[in-house]
Every structure is written in C-alpha cells, then in structure tokens.
PDB file of N, CA and C in Angstrom:
ATOM      1  N   MET A   1       1.089 -43.689 -27.320  1.00  0.00           N
ATOM      2  CA  MET A   1       0.943 -42.409 -28.196  1.00  0.00           C
ATOM      3  C   MET A   1      -0.818 -42.758 -28.574  1.00  0.00           C
ATOM      4  N   PRO A   2      -1.887 -41.647 -28.418  1.00  0.00           N
ATOM      5  CA  PRO A   2      -2.925 -42.263 -28.648  1.00  0.00           C
ATOM      6  C   PRO A   2      -3.131 -42.308 -30.215  1.00  0.00           C
ATOM      7  N   PRO A   3      -4.076 -43.334 -30.537  1.00  0.00           N
ATOM      8  CA  PRO A   3      -4.410 -43.069 -32.131  1.00  0.00           C
ATOM      9  C   PRO A   3      -4.680 -41.939 -32.688  1.00  0.00           C
ATOM     10  N   GLU A   4      -4.534 -41.574 -34.103  1.00  0.00           N
ATOM     11  CA  GLU A   4      -4.633 -40.595 -34.484  1.00  0.00           C
ATOM     12  C   GLU A   4      -6.162 -40.114 -34.836  1.00  0.00           C
ATOM     13  N   LEU A   5      -6.560 -38.984 -34.300  1.00  0.00           N
ATOM     14  CA  LEU A   5      -8.166 -38.421 -34.299  1.00  0.00           C
ATOM     15  C   LEU A   5      -8.061 -37.730 -35.733  1.00  0.00           C
ATOM     16  N   GLY A   6      -9.442 -37.433 -36.025  1.00  0.00           N
ATOM     17  CA  GLY A   6      -9.711 -36.767 -36.738  1.00  0.00           C
ATOM     18  C   GLY A   6      -9.706 -35.256 -36.257  1.00  0.00           C
ATOM     19  N   ALA A   7     -10.000 -34.276 -37.315  1.00  0.00           N
ATOM     20  CA  ALA A   7     -10.181 -32.955 -37.002  1.00  0.00           C
ATOM     21  C   ALA A   7     -11.126 -32.299 -36.100  1.00  0.00           C
ATOM     22  N   GLY A   8     -12.275 -33.007 -36.289  1.00  0.00           N
ATOM     23  CA  GLY A   8     -13.470 -32.684 -35.676  1.00  0.00           C
ATOM     24  C   GLY A   8     -13.375 -33.349 -34.089  1.00  0.00           C
ATOM     25  N   ALA A   9     -12.634 -34.288 -34.086  1.00  0.00           N
ATOM     26  CA  ALA A   9     -12.532 -34.750 -32.584  1.00  0.00           C
ATOM     27  C   ALA A   9     -11.393 -34.392 -31.859  1.00  0.00           C
ATOM     28  N   ASN A  10     -10.669 -33.937 -32.590  1.00  0.00           N
ATOM     29  CA  ASN A  10      -9.552 -32.939 -32.099  1.00  0.00           C
ATOM     30  C   ASN A  10     -10.235 -31.424 -31.290  1.00  0.00           C
ATOM     31  N   MET A  11     -10.974 -31.055 -32.064  1.00  0.00           N
ATOM     32  CA  MET A  11     -11.608 -29.872 -31.827  1.00  0.00           C
ATOM     33  C   MET A  11     -12.604 -29.744 -30.474  1.00  0.00           C
ATOM     34  N   SER A  12     -13.216 -31.147 -30.620  1.00  0.00           N
ATOM     35  CA  SER A  12     -14.083 -31.643 -29.333  1.00  0.00           C
ATOM     36  C   SER A  12     -13.001 -31.517 -27.976  1.00  0.00           C
ATOM     37  N   ARG A  13     -12.297 -32.365 -28.457  1.00  0.00           N
ATOM     38  CA  ARG A  13     -11.116 -32.246 -26.978  1.00  0.00           C
ATOM     39  C   ARG A  13     -10.531 -31.061 -26.672  1.00  0.00           C
ATOM     40  N   LEU A  14     -10.315 -30.073 -27.396  1.00  0.00           N
ATOM     41  CA  LEU A  14      -9.974 -28.970 -26.980  1.00  0.00           C
ATOM     42  C   LEU A  14     -10.887 -27.775 -26.617  1.00  0.00           C
ATOM     43  N   ARG A  15     -12.286 -27.975 -26.979  1.00  0.00           N
ATOM     44  CA  ARG A  15     -13.382 -27.111 -26.123  1.00  0.00           C
ATOM     45  C   ARG A  15     -13.580 -27.821 -24.959  1.00  0.00           C
ATOM     46  N   LEU A  16     -13.429 -29.205 -24.702  1.00  0.00           N
ATOM     47  CA  LEU A  16     -13.678 -29.598 -23.458  1.00  0.00           C
ATOM     48  C   LEU A  16     -12.680 -29.331 -22.476  1.00  0.00           C
ATOM     49  N   ASN A  17     -11.694 -29.369 -23.070  1.00  0.00           N
ATOM     50  CA  ASN A  17     -10.174 -28.990 -22.284  1.00  0.00           C
ATOM     51  C   ASN A  17     -10.588 -27.412 -21.887  1.00  0.00           C
ATOM     52  N   ARG A  18     -10.981 -26.562 -22.750  1.00  0.00           N
ATOM     53  CA  ARG A  18     -11.228 -25.309 -22.425  1.00  0.00           C
ATOM     54  C   ARG A  18     -12.183 -25.145 -21.521  1.00  0.00           C
ATOM     55  N   LEU A  19     -13.103 -25.635 -21.554  1.00  0.00           N
ATOM     56  CA  LEU A  19     -14.351 -25.839 -20.756  1.00  0.00           C
ATOM     57  C   LEU A  19     -13.760 -26.282 -19.194  1.00  0.00           C
ATOM     58  N   LEU A  20     -13.205 -26.909 -18.730  1.00  0.00           N
ATOM     59  CA  LEU A  20     -12.574 -27.828 -17.585  1.00  0.00           C
ATOM     60  C   LEU A  20     -11.833 -26.742 -17.004  1.00  0.00           C
ATOM     61  N   ASN A  21     -10.677 -26.131 -17.884  1.00  0.00           N
ATOM     62  CA  ASN A  21      -9.683 -25.341 -17.481  1.00  0.00           C
ATOM     63  C   ASN A  21     -10.524 -23.687 -16.766  1.00  0.00           C
ATOM     64  N   GLN A  22     -11.485 -23.181 -17.803  1.00  0.00           N
ATOM     65  CA  GLN A  22     -12.666 -22.432 -17.586  1.00  0.00           C
ATOM     66  C   GLN A  22     -12.880 -22.305 -16.031  1.00  0.00           C
ATOM     67  N   SER A  23     -13.861 -23.446 -15.947  1.00  0.00           N
ATOM     68  CA  SER A  23     -14.464 -24.009 -14.748  1.00  0.00           C
ATOM     69  C   SER A  23     -13.851 -24.102 -13.597  1.00  0.00           C
ATOM     70  N   GLY A  24     -12.495 -24.580 -13.761  1.00  0.00           N
ATOM     71  CA  GLY A  24     -11.663 -24.913 -12.721  1.00  0.00           C
ATOM     72  C   GLY A  24     -11.278 -23.434 -12.166  1.00  0.00           C
ATOM     73  N   GLN A  25     -10.766 -22.621 -12.942  1.00  0.00           N
ATOM     74  CA  GLN A  25     -10.411 -21.273 -12.777  1.00  0.00           C
ATOM     75  C   GLN A  25     -11.825 -20.450 -11.722  1.00  0.00           C
ATOM     76  N   THR A  26     -12.756 -20.156 -12.549  1.00  0.00           N
ATOM     77  CA  THR A  26     -13.995 -19.880 -11.914  1.00  0.00           C
ATOM     78  C   THR A  26     -14.182 -20.459 -10.447  1.00  0.00           C
ATOM     79  N   GLY A  27     -13.840 -21.467 -10.428  1.00  0.00           N
ATOM     80  CA  GLY A  27     -14.302 -22.306  -9.009  1.00  0.00           C
ATOM     81  C   GLY A  27     -13.093 -21.860  -7.758  1.00  0.00           C
ATOM     82  N   ARG A  28     -12.048 -21.601  -8.344  1.00  0.00           N
ATOM     83  CA  ARG A  28     -11.222 -21.370  -7.783  1.00  0.00           C
ATOM     84  C   ARG A  28     -11.187 -19.961  -6.965  1.00  0.00           C
ATOM     85  N   ALA A  29     -11.583 -18.952  -7.946  1.00  0.00           N
ATOM     86  CA  ALA A  29     -11.748 -17.823  -7.680  1.00  0.00           C
ATOM     87  C   ALA A  29     -12.905 -17.636  -6.608  1.00  0.00           C
ATOM     88  N   ALA A  30     -13.858 -18.064  -7.119  1.00  0.00           N
ATOM     89  CA  ALA A  30     -15.519 -18.410  -6.152  1.00  0.00           C
ATOM     90  C   ALA A  30     -15.320 -18.755  -4.581  1.00  0.00           C
ATOM     91  N   GLY A  31     -14.325 -20.025  -4.647  1.00  0.00           N
ATOM     92  CA  GLY A  31     -14.002 -20.676  -3.144  1.00  0.00           C
ATOM     93  C   GLY A  31     -13.225 -19.126  -2.771  1.00  0.00           C
ATOM     94  N   ASN A  32     -12.165 -18.766  -3.091  1.00  0.00           N
ATOM     95  CA  ASN A  32     -11.435 -17.771  -2.452  1.00  0.00           C
ATOM     96  C   ASN A  32     -12.050 -16.715  -1.835  1.00  0.00           C
ATOM     97  N   ALA A  33     -13.158 -15.981  -2.593  1.00  0.00           N
ATOM     98  CA  ALA A  33     -13.904 -14.889  -2.277  1.00  0.00           C
ATOM     99  C   ALA A  33     -14.869 -15.469  -1.096  1.00  0.00           C
ATOM    100  N   LEU A  34     -15.527 -16.646  -1.306  1.00  0.00           N
ATOM    101  CA  LEU A  34     -16.213 -17.084  -0.066  1.00  0.00           C
ATOM    102  C   LEU A  34     -15.676 -17.049   1.415  1.00  0.00           C
ATOM    103  N   GLY A  35     -14.184 -17.990   0.912  1.00  0.00           N
ATOM    104  CA  GLY A  35     -13.282 -18.025   2.124  1.00  0.00           C
ATOM    105  C   GLY A  35     -13.300 -16.656   3.030  1.00  0.00           C
ATOM    106  N   VAL A  36     -12.780 -15.561   2.346  1.00  0.00           N
ATOM    107  CA  VAL A  36     -12.486 -14.502   2.818  1.00  0.00           C
ATOM    108  C   VAL A  36     -13.384 -13.853   3.341  1.00  0.00           C
ATOM    109  N   LEU A  37     -14.945 -13.972   2.828  1.00  0.00           N
ATOM    110  CA  LEU A  37     -16.183 -13.435   3.599  1.00  0.00           C
ATOM    111  C   LEU A  37     -16.426 -14.655   4.938  1.00  0.00           C
ATOM    112  N   GLY A  38     -15.966 -15.751   4.785  1.00  0.00           N
ATOM    113  CA  GLY A  38     -16.208 -16.312   5.894  1.00  0.00           C
ATOM    114  C   GLY A  38     -15.301 -15.985   6.939  1.00  0.00           C
ATOM    115  N   LEU A  39     -13.949 -15.612   6.741  1.00  0.00           N
ATOM    116  CA  LEU A  39     -13.111 -15.145   7.900  1.00  0.00           C
ATOM    117  C   LEU A  39     -13.673 -13.980   8.198  1.00  0.00           C
ATOM    118  N   PHE A  40     -13.970 -12.749   7.327  1.00  0.00           N
ATOM    119  CA  PHE A  40     -14.214 -11.562   8.240  1.00  0.00           C
ATOM    120  C   PHE A  40     -15.643 -11.874   8.712  1.00  0.00           C
ATOM    121  N   PHE A  41     -16.493 -12.570   8.542  1.00  0.00           N
ATOM    122  CA  PHE A  41     -17.464 -13.001   9.565  1.00  0.00           C
ATOM    123  C   PHE A  41     -17.206 -13.618  10.534  1.00  0.00           C
ATOM    124  N   ALA A  42     -16.140 -14.344  10.983  1.00  0.00           N
ATOM    125  CA  ALA A  42     -15.952 -15.048  11.871  1.00  0.00           C
ATOM    126  C   ALA A  42     -15.179 -13.919  12.869  1.00  0.00           C
ATOM    127  N   SER A  43     -14.424 -13.409  12.075  1.00  0.00           N
ATOM    128  CA  SER A  43     -13.538 -12.445  13.313  1.00  0.00           C
ATOM    129  C   SER A  43     -14.556 -11.305  13.711  1.00  0.00           C
ATOM    130  N   PHE A  44     -15.583 -10.873  13.027  1.00  0.00           N
ATOM    131  CA  PHE A  44     -16.362  -9.761  13.648  1.00  0.00           C
ATOM    132  C   PHE A  44     -17.467 -10.541  14.636  1.00  0.00           C
ATOM    133  N   GLU A  45     -17.853 -11.574  14.525  1.00  0.00           N
ATOM    134  CA  GLU A  45     -18.682 -12.220  15.292  1.00  0.00           C
ATOM    135  C   GLU A  45     -17.878 -12.813  16.839  1.00  0.00           C
ATOM    136  N   SER A  46     -16.855 -12.740  16.427  1.00  0.00           N
ATOM    137  CA  SER A  46     -15.644 -13.091  17.661  1.00  0.00           C
ATOM    138  C   SER A  46     -15.622 -11.667  18.557  1.00  0.00           C
ATOM    139  N   ALA A  47     -15.107 -10.542  17.458  1.00  0.00           N
ATOM    140  CA  ALA A  47     -14.823  -9.228  18.312  1.00  0.00           C
ATOM    141  C   ALA A  47     -16.195  -8.893  18.705  1.00  0.00           C
ATOM    142  N   TYR A  48     -17.173  -9.048  18.448  1.00  0.00           N
ATOM    143  CA  TYR A  48     -18.496  -8.556  18.840  1.00  0.00           C
ATOM    144  C   TYR A  48     -18.799  -9.217  20.278  1.00  0.00           C
ATOM    145  N   GLY A  49     -18.459 -10.165  20.575  1.00  0.00           N
ATOM    146  CA  GLY A  49     -18.926 -11.147  21.451  1.00  0.00           C
ATOM    147  C   GLY A  49     -17.848 -10.631  22.627  1.00  0.00           C
ATOM    148  N   TYR A  50     -16.476 -10.436  22.214  1.00  0.00           N
ATOM    149  CA  TYR A  50     -15.658  -9.744  23.158  1.00  0.00           C
ATOM    150  C   TYR A  50     -15.980  -8.328  23.779  1.00  0.00           C
ATOM    151  N   LEU A  51     -16.271  -7.739  22.966  1.00  0.00           N
ATOM    152  CA  LEU A  51     -16.579  -6.319  23.111  1.00  0.00           C
ATOM    153  C   LEU A  51     -17.717  -5.887  24.077  1.00  0.00           C
ATOM    154  N   ASN A  52     -18.726  -6.797  23.882  1.00  0.00           N
ATOM    155  CA  ASN A  52     -19.956  -6.530  24.801  1.00  0.00           C
ATOM    156  C   ASN A  52     -20.038  -7.280  25.875  1.00  0.00           C
ATOM    157  N   ASP A  53     -18.979  -8.191  26.142  1.00  0.00           N
ATOM    158  CA  ASP A  53     -18.887  -8.950  27.509  1.00  0.00           C
ATOM    159  C   ASP A  53     -19.905 -10.129  27.712  1.00  0.00           C
ATOM    160  N   SER A  54     -20.274 -10.529  26.585  1.00  0.00           N
ATOM    161  CA  SER A  54     -21.329 -11.516  26.895  1.00  0.00           C
ATOM    162  C   SER A  54     -22.738 -11.112  27.443  1.00  0.00           C
ATOM    163  N   ARG A  55     -22.952  -9.659  27.051  1.00  0.00           N
ATOM    164  CA  ARG A  55     -24.419  -9.017  27.572  1.00  0.00           C
ATOM    165  C   ARG A  55     -25.349  -9.356  26.499  1.00  0.00           C
ATOM    166  N   LEU A  56     -25.164  -9.743  25.466  1.00  0.00           N
ATOM    167  CA  LEU A  56     -25.912 -10.012  24.106  1.00  0.00           C
ATOM    168  C   LEU A  56     -25.786 -11.498  23.895  1.00  0.00           C
ATOM    169  N   PRO A  57     -27.018 -12.231  23.700  1.00  0.00           N
ATOM    170  CA  PRO A  57     -27.027 -13.469  23.459  1.00  0.00           C
ATOM    171  C   PRO A  57     -26.249 -14.052  22.281  1.00  0.00           C
ATOM    172  N   ASP A  58     -25.715 -14.944  22.243  1.00  0.00           N
ATOM    173  CA  ASP A  58     -24.813 -15.545  21.023  1.00  0.00           C
ATOM    174  C   ASP A  58     -25.587 -15.412  19.502  1.00  0.00           C
ATOM    175  N   TRP A  59     -26.895 -15.234  19.064  1.00  0.00           N
ATOM    176  CA  TRP A  59     -27.646 -14.988  18.181  1.00  0.00           C
ATOM    177  C   TRP A  59     -27.336 -13.853  17.739  1.00  0.00           C
ATOM    178  N   ALA A  60     -27.200 -12.934  18.647  1.00  0.00           N
ATOM    179  CA  ALA A  60     -26.926 -11.220  18.282  1.00  0.00           C
ATOM    180  C   ALA A  60     -25.721 -10.893  17.965  1.00  0.00           C
ATOM    181  N   ASN A  61     -24.850 -11.927  18.417  1.00  0.00           N
ATOM    182  CA  ASN A  61     -23.382 -11.314  17.852  1.00  0.00           C
ATOM    183  C   ASN A  61     -23.111 -12.072  16.318  1.00  0.00           C
ATOM    184  N   SER A  62     -24.015 -12.874  15.844  1.00  0.00           N
ATOM    185  CA  SER A  62     -24.128 -13.573  14.588  1.00  0.00           C
ATOM    186  C   SER A  62     -24.866 -12.628  13.802  1.00  0.00           C
ATOM    187  N   VAL A  63     -25.809 -12.018  14.105  1.00  0.00           N
ATOM    188  CA  VAL A  63     -26.609 -11.125  13.078  1.00  0.00           C
ATOM    189  C   VAL A  63     -25.946 -10.044  13.226  1.00  0.00           C
ATOM    190  N   GLY A  64     -25.215  -9.515  13.989  1.00  0.00           N
ATOM    191  CA  GLY A  64     -24.263  -8.270  13.802  1.00  0.00           C
ATOM    192  C   GLY A  64     -23.298  -8.686  12.969  1.00  0.00           C
ATOM    193  N   ALA A  65     -22.623  -9.743  13.034  1.00  0.00           N
ATOM    194  CA  ALA A  65     -21.688 -10.035  12.339  1.00  0.00           C
ATOM    195  C   ALA A  65     -21.861 -10.324  10.936  1.00  0.00           C
ATOM    196  N   GLY A  66     -22.801 -10.320  10.387  1.00  0.00           N
ATOM    197  CA  GLY A  66     -23.419 -10.342   9.045  1.00  0.00           C
ATOM    198  C   GLY A  66     -24.307  -9.185   8.776  1.00  0.00           C
ATOM    199  N   GLU A  67     -24.541  -8.198   9.641  1.00  0.00           N
ATOM    200  CA  GLU A  67     -25.146  -6.909   9.428  1.00  0.00           C
ATOM    201  C   GLU A  67     -24.383  -6.033   8.057  1.00  0.00           C
ATOM    202  N   PRO A  68     -25.062  -5.703   7.147  1.00  0.00           N
ATOM    203  CA  PRO A  68     -24.206  -5.114   6.256  1.00  0.00           C
ATOM    204  C   PRO A  68     -24.133  -3.628   6.685  1.00  0.00           C
ATOM    205  N   ARG A  69     -25.036  -3.143   7.382  1.00  0.00           N
ATOM    206  CA  ARG A  69     -24.928  -1.988   7.527  1.00  0.00           C
ATOM    207  C   ARG A  69     -24.801  -1.466   9.080  1.00  0.00           C
ATOM    208  N   PRO A  70     -23.317  -1.115   9.619  1.00  0.00           N
ATOM    209  CA  PRO A  70     -22.837  -1.040  10.823  1.00  0.00           C
ATOM    210  C   PRO A  70     -23.558  -0.116  11.655  1.00  0.00           C
ATOM    211  N   SER A  71     -24.456   0.983  11.439  1.00  0.00           N
ATOM    212  CA  SER A  71     -24.861   1.634  11.871  1.00  0.00           C
ATOM    213  C   SER A  71     -26.081   1.182  12.822  1.00  0.00           C
ATOM    214  N   ARG A  72     -26.689   0.259  12.092  1.00  0.00           N
ATOM    215  CA  ARG A  72     -27.850  -0.690  13.227  1.00  0.00           C
ATOM    216  C   ARG A  72     -26.945  -1.355  14.196  1.00  0.00           C
ATOM    217  N   LEU A  73     -25.813  -1.964  14.078  1.00  0.00           N
ATOM    218  CA  LEU A  73     -24.921  -2.642  14.839  1.00  0.00           C
ATOM    219  C   LEU A  73     -24.622  -1.555  16.176  1.00  0.00           C
ATOM    220  N   TYR A  74     -24.216  -0.338  15.830  1.00  0.00           N
ATOM    221  CA  TYR A  74     -23.976   0.638  16.609  1.00  0.00           C
ATOM    222  C   TYR A  74     -24.930   0.898  17.605  1.00  0.00           C
ATOM    223  N   GLY A  75     -26.317   0.850  16.849  1.00  0.00           N
ATOM    224  CA  GLY A  75     -27.470   1.426  17.763  1.00  0.00           C
ATOM    225  C   GLY A  75     -27.731  -0.081  19.093  1.00  0.00           C
ATOM    226  N   LEU A  76     -27.740  -1.114  18.501  1.00  0.00           N
ATOM    227  CA  LEU A  76     -27.514  -2.302  19.190  1.00  0.00           C
ATOM    228  C   LEU A  76     -26.660  -2.440  20.361  1.00  0.00           C
ATOM    229  N   LEU A  77     -25.509  -2.053  19.945  1.00  0.00           N
ATOM    230  CA  LEU A  77     -24.587  -2.122  21.241  1.00  0.00           C
ATOM    231  C   LEU A  77     -24.900  -0.923  22.269  1.00  0.00           C
ATOM    232  N   ARG A  78     -25.123   0.195  21.443  1.00  0.00           N
ATOM    233  CA  ARG A  78     -25.719   1.220  22.331  1.00  0.00           C
ATOM    234  C   ARG A  78     -26.422   1.075  23.409  1.00  0.00           C
ATOM    235  N   LEU A  79     -27.504   0.202  23.099  1.00  0.00           N
ATOM    236  CA  LEU A  79     -28.935  -0.173  24.175  1.00  0.00           C
ATOM    237  C   LEU A  79     -27.873  -1.259  25.135  1.00  0.00           C
ATOM    238  N   CYS A  80     -26.895  -1.945  24.949  1.00  0.00           N
ATOM    239  CA  CYS A  80     -26.213  -2.678  25.677  1.00  0.00           C
ATOM    240  C   CYS A  80     -25.324  -2.018  27.059  1.00  0.00           C
ATOM    241  N   LEU A  81     -24.791  -0.619  26.408  1.00  0.00           N
ATOM    242  CA  LEU A  81     -23.884  -0.057  27.334  1.00  0.00           C
ATOM    243  C   LEU A  81     -24.657   0.768  28.569  1.00  0.00           C
TER     244      LEU A  81
END
C-alpha cells in the first residue's frame, strides 16, 4: 500500500489521471477516424485503377481517390473513355 499522501498530492494525481484518460480516449477516436479515411482512400484508388483498365497512370488514380469533388473525377474518366 502506498504511503499516505496529503490532499494536494491526491488532487494532483487525480488531475494527472484524468488528463491521461482523456488523451487516450481522444487518441483512440482520432486513430479510428484516420483509419476509416485510409480504408476509403485505398478502396477508391483500387476501384479507379480497375475501372479505367490502367489507361491512366498510377498517380492519376491516387489523385482521383483523394479528390473531394467527384465531378472532377468524372470529367477525368470521361476523357479516357
């Protein structure tokens, strides 16, 4: 059993514990969100490579997968078809 601590030391330990717990929870949420984004990016990049039958260079598939506006991507694919 640890030696008896004063009230100030106990409050400091509680604050530190709260900080560590909160940062761990925030880190897990951020890691999960970034993991989902990575899966979406990899899926779209693979799908674009399959759909254009390798008529576009690999960098174009990567740009298309990261493109936030699909209308630009449709225009790019239209040029290839």
